C-alpha atoms as a PDB file:
ATOM      1  CA  MET A   1      22.603 -26.348  -5.240  1.00  0.00           C
ATOM      2  CA  SER A   2      19.094 -25.302  -6.236  1.00  0.00           C
ATOM      3  CA  VAL A   3      17.407 -22.022  -5.371  1.00  0.00           C
ATOM      4  CA  ARG A   4      15.109 -23.874  -2.974  1.00  0.00           C
ATOM      5  CA  GLU A   5      18.021 -25.375  -1.034  1.00  0.00           C
ATOM      6  CA  SER A   6      20.012 -22.157  -0.839  1.00  0.00           C
ATOM      7  CA  ILE A   7      17.263 -19.952   0.659  1.00  0.00           C
ATOM      8  CA  GLY A   8      14.449 -20.518   3.165  1.00  0.00           C
ATOM      9  CA  GLY A   9      10.675 -20.141   2.833  1.00  0.00           C
ATOM     10  CA  ARG A  10      10.548 -16.354   2.988  1.00  0.00           C
ATOM     11  CA  GLY A  11      13.560 -16.038   0.734  1.00  0.00           C
ATOM     12  CA  LEU A  12      12.112 -18.369  -1.865  1.00  0.00           C
ATOM     13  CA  LEU A  13       8.831 -16.485  -1.871  1.00  0.00           C
ATOM     14  CA  ALA A  14      10.723 -13.216  -2.278  1.00  0.00           C
ATOM     15  CA  PHE A  15      12.682 -14.804  -5.138  1.00  0.00           C
ATOM     16  CA  ILE A  16       9.468 -15.937  -6.848  1.00  0.00           C
ATOM     17  CA  ALA A  17       7.838 -12.531  -6.271  1.00  0.00           C
ATOM     18  CA  THR A  18      10.765 -10.704  -7.852  1.00  0.00           C
ATOM     19  CA  ARG A  19      11.929 -13.142 -10.550  1.00  0.00           C
ATOM     20  CA  ARG A  20       8.787 -15.108 -11.357  1.00  0.00           C
ATOM     21  CA  THR A  21       6.133 -12.565 -10.429  1.00  0.00           C
ATOM     22  CA  TRP A  22       3.627 -14.125 -12.798  1.00  0.00           C
ATOM     23  CA  LEU A  23       3.337 -17.127 -10.443  1.00  0.00           C
ATOM     24  CA  MET A  24       2.058 -15.100  -7.492  1.00  0.00           C
ATOM     25  CA  PRO A  25      -1.666 -15.087  -8.413  1.00  0.00           C
ATOM     26  CA  LEU A  26      -1.638 -18.888  -8.520  1.00  0.00           C
ATOM     27  CA  ILE A  27       0.055 -19.083  -5.126  1.00  0.00           C
ATOM     28  CA  TYR A  28      -2.545 -16.662  -3.791  1.00  0.00           C
ATOM     29  CA  TYR A  29      -5.515 -18.609  -5.186  1.00  0.00           C
ATOM     30  CA  ILE A  30      -4.211 -21.997  -4.052  1.00  0.00           C
ATOM     31  CA  TYR A  31      -3.556 -20.647  -0.563  1.00  0.00           C
ATOM     32  CA  THR A  32      -6.822 -18.713  -0.254  1.00  0.00           C
ATOM     33  CA  TYR A  33      -9.020 -21.589  -1.401  1.00  0.00           C
ATOM     34  CA  SER A  34      -7.029 -24.172   0.628  1.00  0.00           C
ATOM     35  CA  GLY A  35      -6.194 -26.175  -2.465  1.00  0.00           C
ATOM     36  CA  LEU A  36      -7.668 -26.303  -5.957  1.00  0.00           C
ATOM     37  CA  THR A  37      -7.874 -28.820  -8.778  1.00  0.00           C
ATOM     38  CA  PHE A  38      -6.440 -27.981 -12.185  1.00  0.00           C
ATOM     39  CA  GLU A  39      -9.919 -27.332 -13.576  1.00  0.00           C
ATOM     40  CA  GLU A  40     -10.858 -25.065 -10.660  1.00  0.00           C
ATOM     41  CA  LEU A  41      -7.651 -23.070 -11.147  1.00  0.00           C
ATOM     42  CA  LYS A  42      -8.310 -22.838 -14.866  1.00  0.00           C
ATOM     43  CA  GLU A  43     -11.845 -21.564 -14.288  1.00  0.00           C
ATOM     44  CA  LEU A  44     -10.725 -19.119 -11.599  1.00  0.00           C
ATOM     45  CA  THR A  45      -7.851 -17.613 -13.587  1.00  0.00           C
ATOM     46  CA  ASN A  46      -9.308 -18.066 -17.087  1.00  0.00           C
ATOM     47  CA  LEU A  47      -5.814 -19.003 -18.291  1.00  0.00           C
ATOM     48  CA  ARG A  48      -5.083 -21.382 -21.131  1.00  0.00           C
ATOM     49  CA  SER A  49      -4.147 -24.888 -20.031  1.00  0.00           C
ATOM     50  CA  ARG A  50      -0.637 -24.570 -21.455  1.00  0.00           C
ATOM     51  CA  VAL A  51       0.133 -21.465 -19.378  1.00  0.00           C
ATOM     52  CA  LEU A  52      -1.409 -22.944 -16.250  1.00  0.00           C
ATOM     53  CA  ARG A  53       0.514 -26.226 -16.615  1.00  0.00           C
ATOM     54  CA  ARG A  54       3.775 -24.310 -16.979  1.00  0.00           C
ATOM     55  CA  ALA A  55       3.036 -22.213 -13.877  1.00  0.00           C
ATOM     56  CA  LEU A  56       2.214 -25.297 -11.820  1.00  0.00           C
ATOM     57  CA  TRP A  57       5.397 -26.963 -13.083  1.00  0.00           C
ATOM     58  CA  TRP A  58       7.446 -24.031 -11.753  1.00  0.00           C
ATOM     59  CA  LEU A  59       5.613 -24.011  -8.429  1.00  0.00           C
ATOM     60  CA  LYS A  60       6.126 -27.747  -7.957  1.00  0.00           C
ATOM     61  CA  LYS A  61       9.775 -27.423  -8.980  1.00  0.00           C
ATOM     62  CA  TYR A  62      10.353 -24.838  -6.245  1.00  0.00           C
ATOM     63  CA  GLY A  63       8.404 -26.967  -3.772  1.00  0.00           C
ATOM     64  CA  VAL A  64       5.896 -24.239  -2.918  1.00  0.00           C
ATOM     65  CA  VAL A  65       2.986 -26.278  -4.263  1.00  0.00           C
ATOM     66  CA  GLU A  66       2.426 -29.996  -3.981  1.00  0.00           C
ATOM     67  CA  GLU A  67      -0.270 -32.345  -5.190  1.00  0.00           C
ATOM     68  CA  SER A  68      -2.606 -33.919  -2.685  1.00  0.00           C
ATOM     69  CA  GLY A  69      -5.008 -36.217  -4.484  1.00  0.00           C
ATOM     70  CA  GLN A  70      -6.255 -34.170  -7.405  1.00  0.00           C
ATOM     71  CA  LYS A  71      -5.748 -30.839  -5.640  1.00  0.00           C
ATOM     72  CA  TYR A  72      -2.777 -28.511  -5.600  1.00  0.00           C
ATOM     73  CA  ILE A  73      -1.969 -27.220  -2.126  1.00  0.00           C
ATOM     74  CA  ILE A  74       0.676 -24.958  -0.585  1.00  0.00           C
ATOM     75  CA  SER A  75       3.409 -26.994   1.125  1.00  0.00           C
ATOM     76  CA  THR A  76       3.378 -26.663   4.886  1.00  0.00           C
ATOM     77  CA  GLU A  77       6.986 -25.454   4.700  1.00  0.00           C
ATOM     78  CA  TYR A  78       5.838 -22.275   2.917  1.00  0.00           C
ATOM     79  CA  ALA A  79       2.388 -21.743   4.460  1.00  0.00           C
ATOM     80  CA  ASP A  80       3.537 -19.128   7.000  1.00  0.00           C
ATOM     81  CA  ALA A  81       5.471 -17.117   4.420  1.00  0.00           C
ATOM     82  CA  VAL A  82       2.501 -17.180   2.015  1.00  0.00           C
ATOM     83  CA  ARG A  83       0.106 -16.161   4.806  1.00  0.00           C
ATOM     84  CA  GLU A  84       2.339 -13.199   5.631  1.00  0.00           C
ATOM     85  CA  LEU A  85       2.452 -12.142   1.983  1.00  0.00           C
ATOM     86  CA  THR A  86      -1.326 -12.356   1.558  1.00  0.00           C
ATOM     87  CA  LEU A  87      -1.809  -9.744   4.272  1.00  0.00           C
ATOM     88  CA  ARG A  88      -0.608  -7.123   1.787  1.00  0.00           C
ATOM     89  CA  TYR A  89      -2.374  -8.585  -1.240  1.00  0.00           C
ATOM     90  CA  CYS A  90      -5.325  -7.159  -3.139  1.00  0.00           C
ATOM     91  CA  ILE A  91      -7.281  -8.118  -6.249  1.00  0.00           C
ATOM     92  CA  VAL A  92      -9.200  -5.654  -8.399  1.00  0.00           C
ATOM     93  CA  ASP A  93     -10.810  -7.253 -11.460  1.00  0.00           C
ATOM     94  CA  LYS A  94      -8.036  -9.433 -12.920  1.00  0.00           C
ATOM     95  CA  LYS A  95      -5.235  -7.323 -11.470  1.00  0.00           C
ATOM     96  CA  HIS A  96      -3.382  -8.637  -8.462  1.00  0.00           C
ATOM     97  CA  MET A  97      -1.346  -6.263  -6.358  1.00  0.00           C
ATOM     98  CA  PHE A  98       0.928  -6.848  -3.410  1.00  0.00           C
ATOM     99  CA  GLN A  99       3.680  -5.052  -1.568  1.00  0.00           C
ATOM    100  CA  LEU A 100       7.051  -6.585  -0.860  1.00  0.00           C
ATOM    101  CA  GLY A 101       9.527  -4.338   0.872  1.00  0.00           C
ATOM    102  CA  LYS A 102       9.532  -0.909  -0.760  1.00  0.00           C
ATOM    103  CA  THR A 103       7.967  -2.074  -4.014  1.00  0.00           C
ATOM    104  CA  TYR A 104       4.438  -2.639  -5.275  1.00  0.00           C
ATOM    105  CA  PHE A 105       4.024  -5.522  -7.691  1.00  0.00           C
ATOM    106  CA  VAL A 106       1.068  -5.434 -10.078  1.00  0.00           C
ATOM    107  CA  VAL A 107       0.195  -8.635 -11.941  1.00  0.00           C
ATOM    108  CA  SER A 108      -2.423  -8.676 -14.676  1.00  0.00           C
ATOM    109  CA  ILE A 109      -3.985 -11.962 -15.812  1.00  0.00           C
ATOM    110  CA  LYS A 110      -4.963 -12.251 -19.448  1.00  0.00           C
ATOM    111  CA  ARG A 111      -6.194 -15.368 -21.222  1.00  0.00           C
ATOM    112  CA  SER A 112      -2.893 -16.398 -22.777  1.00  0.00           C
ATOM    113  CA  ARG A 113      -0.362 -14.693 -20.528  1.00  0.00           C
ATOM    114  CA  ILE A 114       0.300 -13.034 -17.230  1.00  0.00           C
ATOM    115  CA  THR A 115       2.066  -9.670 -17.237  1.00  0.00           C
ATOM    116  CA  SER A 116       3.553  -7.725 -14.371  1.00  0.00           C
ATOM    117  CA  TYR A 117       5.280  -4.509 -13.460  1.00  0.00           C
ATOM    118  CA  THR A 118       6.728  -2.919 -10.354  1.00  0.00           C
ATOM    119  CA  VAL A 119       6.436   0.541  -8.853  1.00  0.00           C
ATOM    120  CA  PRO A 120       8.439   2.004  -5.954  1.00  0.00           C
ATOM    121  CA  VAL A 121       6.280   2.694  -2.897  1.00  0.00           C
ATOM    122  CA  ASP A 122       7.774   6.161  -2.440  1.00  0.00           C
ATOM    123  CA  LEU A 123       6.521   7.336  -5.869  1.00  0.00           C
ATOM    124  CA  VAL A 124       2.989   6.234  -5.023  1.00  0.00           C
ATOM    125  CA  GLN A 125       3.257   8.067  -1.689  1.00  0.00           C
ATOM    126  CA  LYS A 126       4.459  11.223  -3.483  1.00  0.00           C
ATOM    127  CA  LEU A 127       1.487  11.019  -5.845  1.00  0.00           C
ATOM    128  CA  HIS A 128      -0.836  10.632  -2.852  1.00  0.00           C
ATOM    129  CA  GLU A 129       0.692  13.724  -1.193  1.00  0.00           C
ATOM    130  CA  LEU A 130       0.484  15.767  -4.401  1.00  0.00           C
ATOM    131  CA  GLU A 131      -3.167  14.879  -4.946  1.00  0.00           C
ATOM    132  CA  GLU A 132      -4.046  15.711  -1.355  1.00  0.00           C
ATOM    133  CA  ASN A 133      -2.250  19.074  -1.535  1.00  0.00           C
ATOM    134  CA  ILE A 134      -4.016  20.291  -4.663  1.00  0.00           C
ATOM    135  CA  ASP A 135      -7.223  18.265  -4.208  1.00  0.00           C
ATOM    136  CA  SER A 136      -7.164  17.031  -7.799  1.00  0.00           C
ATOM    137  CA  GLU A 137      -6.283  13.852  -9.668  1.00  0.00           C
ATOM    138  CA  PHE A 138      -2.985  13.805 -11.499  1.00  0.00           C
ATOM    139  CA  LYS A 139      -2.711  12.620 -15.083  1.00  0.00           C
ATOM    140  CA  PRO A 140       0.430  10.642 -15.997  1.00  0.00           C
ATOM    141  CA  LEU A 141       1.860  13.491 -18.080  1.00  0.00           C
ATOM    142  CA  HIS A 142       1.515  15.987 -15.225  1.00  0.00           C
ATOM    143  CA  LEU A 143       2.999  13.519 -12.744  1.00  0.00           C
ATOM    144  CA  ALA A 144       5.941  12.855 -15.054  1.00  0.00           C
ATOM    145  CA  GLN A 145       6.623  16.578 -15.246  1.00  0.00           C
ATOM    146  CA  ALA A 146       6.131  17.185 -11.528  1.00  0.00           C
ATOM    147  CA  LEU A 147       8.419  14.370 -10.386  1.00  0.00           C
ATOM    148  CA  ASN A 148      10.756  14.417 -13.390  1.00  0.00           C
ATOM    149  CA  ILE A 149      10.218  10.729 -14.140  1.00  0.00           C
ATOM    150  CA  PRO A 150       9.643   8.895 -17.451  1.00  0.00           C
ATOM    151  CA  LEU A 151       6.080   8.940 -18.787  1.00  0.00           C
ATOM    152  CA  ASN A 152       5.755   5.127 -18.733  1.00  0.00           C
ATOM    153  CA  LEU A 153       6.706   5.038 -15.059  1.00  0.00           C
ATOM    154  CA  ALA A 154       4.254   7.860 -14.357  1.00  0.00           C
ATOM    155  CA  ARG A 155       1.475   5.811 -16.026  1.00  0.00           C
ATOM    156  CA  ARG A 156       2.311   2.839 -13.861  1.00  0.00           C
ATOM    157  CA  VAL A 157       2.381   4.971 -10.706  1.00  0.00           C
ATOM    158  CA  VAL A 158      -1.033   6.465 -11.492  1.00  0.00           C
ATOM    159  CA  ASN A 159      -2.498   3.023 -12.317  1.00  0.00           C
ATOM    160  CA  THR A 160      -1.042   1.530  -9.133  1.00  0.00           C
ATOM    161  CA  TYR A 161      -2.421   4.374  -7.046  1.00  0.00           C
ATOM    162  CA  ARG A 162      -5.879   3.863  -8.567  1.00  0.00           C
ATOM    163  CA  LEU A 163      -5.669   0.160  -7.753  1.00  0.00           C
ATOM    164  CA  LEU A 164      -4.608   0.987  -4.206  1.00  0.00           C
ATOM    165  CA  ARG A 165      -7.583   3.295  -3.747  1.00  0.00           C
ATOM    166  CA  GLU A 166      -9.873   0.486  -4.905  1.00  0.00           C
ATOM    167  CA  CYS A 167      -8.204  -1.837  -2.398  1.00  0.00           C
ATOM    168  CA  TRP A 168      -8.691   0.676   0.413  1.00  0.00           C
ATOM    169  CA  ARG A 169     -12.410   0.861  -0.382  1.00  0.00           C
ATOM    170  CA  LYS A 170     -12.832  -2.894   0.039  1.00  0.00           C
END
């Protein structure tokens, strides 16, 4: 039994978001633009063809994306789940951010790869509260000391919070 058969539309999207996070920007673009050709996707994402072909292969394998003529479109089976996810989706430069449950996912598109990381929502909320209380921006080192978390996680929390503030301004 495949992953697609064992879970429904929302479950499959949650699976892709957590296990294949790097595919989410493509799902977002295909959904937002109501279908795109390979060349349009390549121009929009600025990804190498090899990376883009592999991503589309995964999306077609899961059944989230299908080909209609020369365009890739979101399957009707997953359209509602994708629409729901895009409500909590934001793009700043080439960084895509979305919230799923109690986690923020940040996906960064580079020419030859797509990287991602996650941050718990509660840490971002704690940073927001700390900054409001002292009316100053926290540096990662100070946040790591204040919350007793690893420095790398503190960097990610600060970066995610900055992205969130940019999203709120839009």
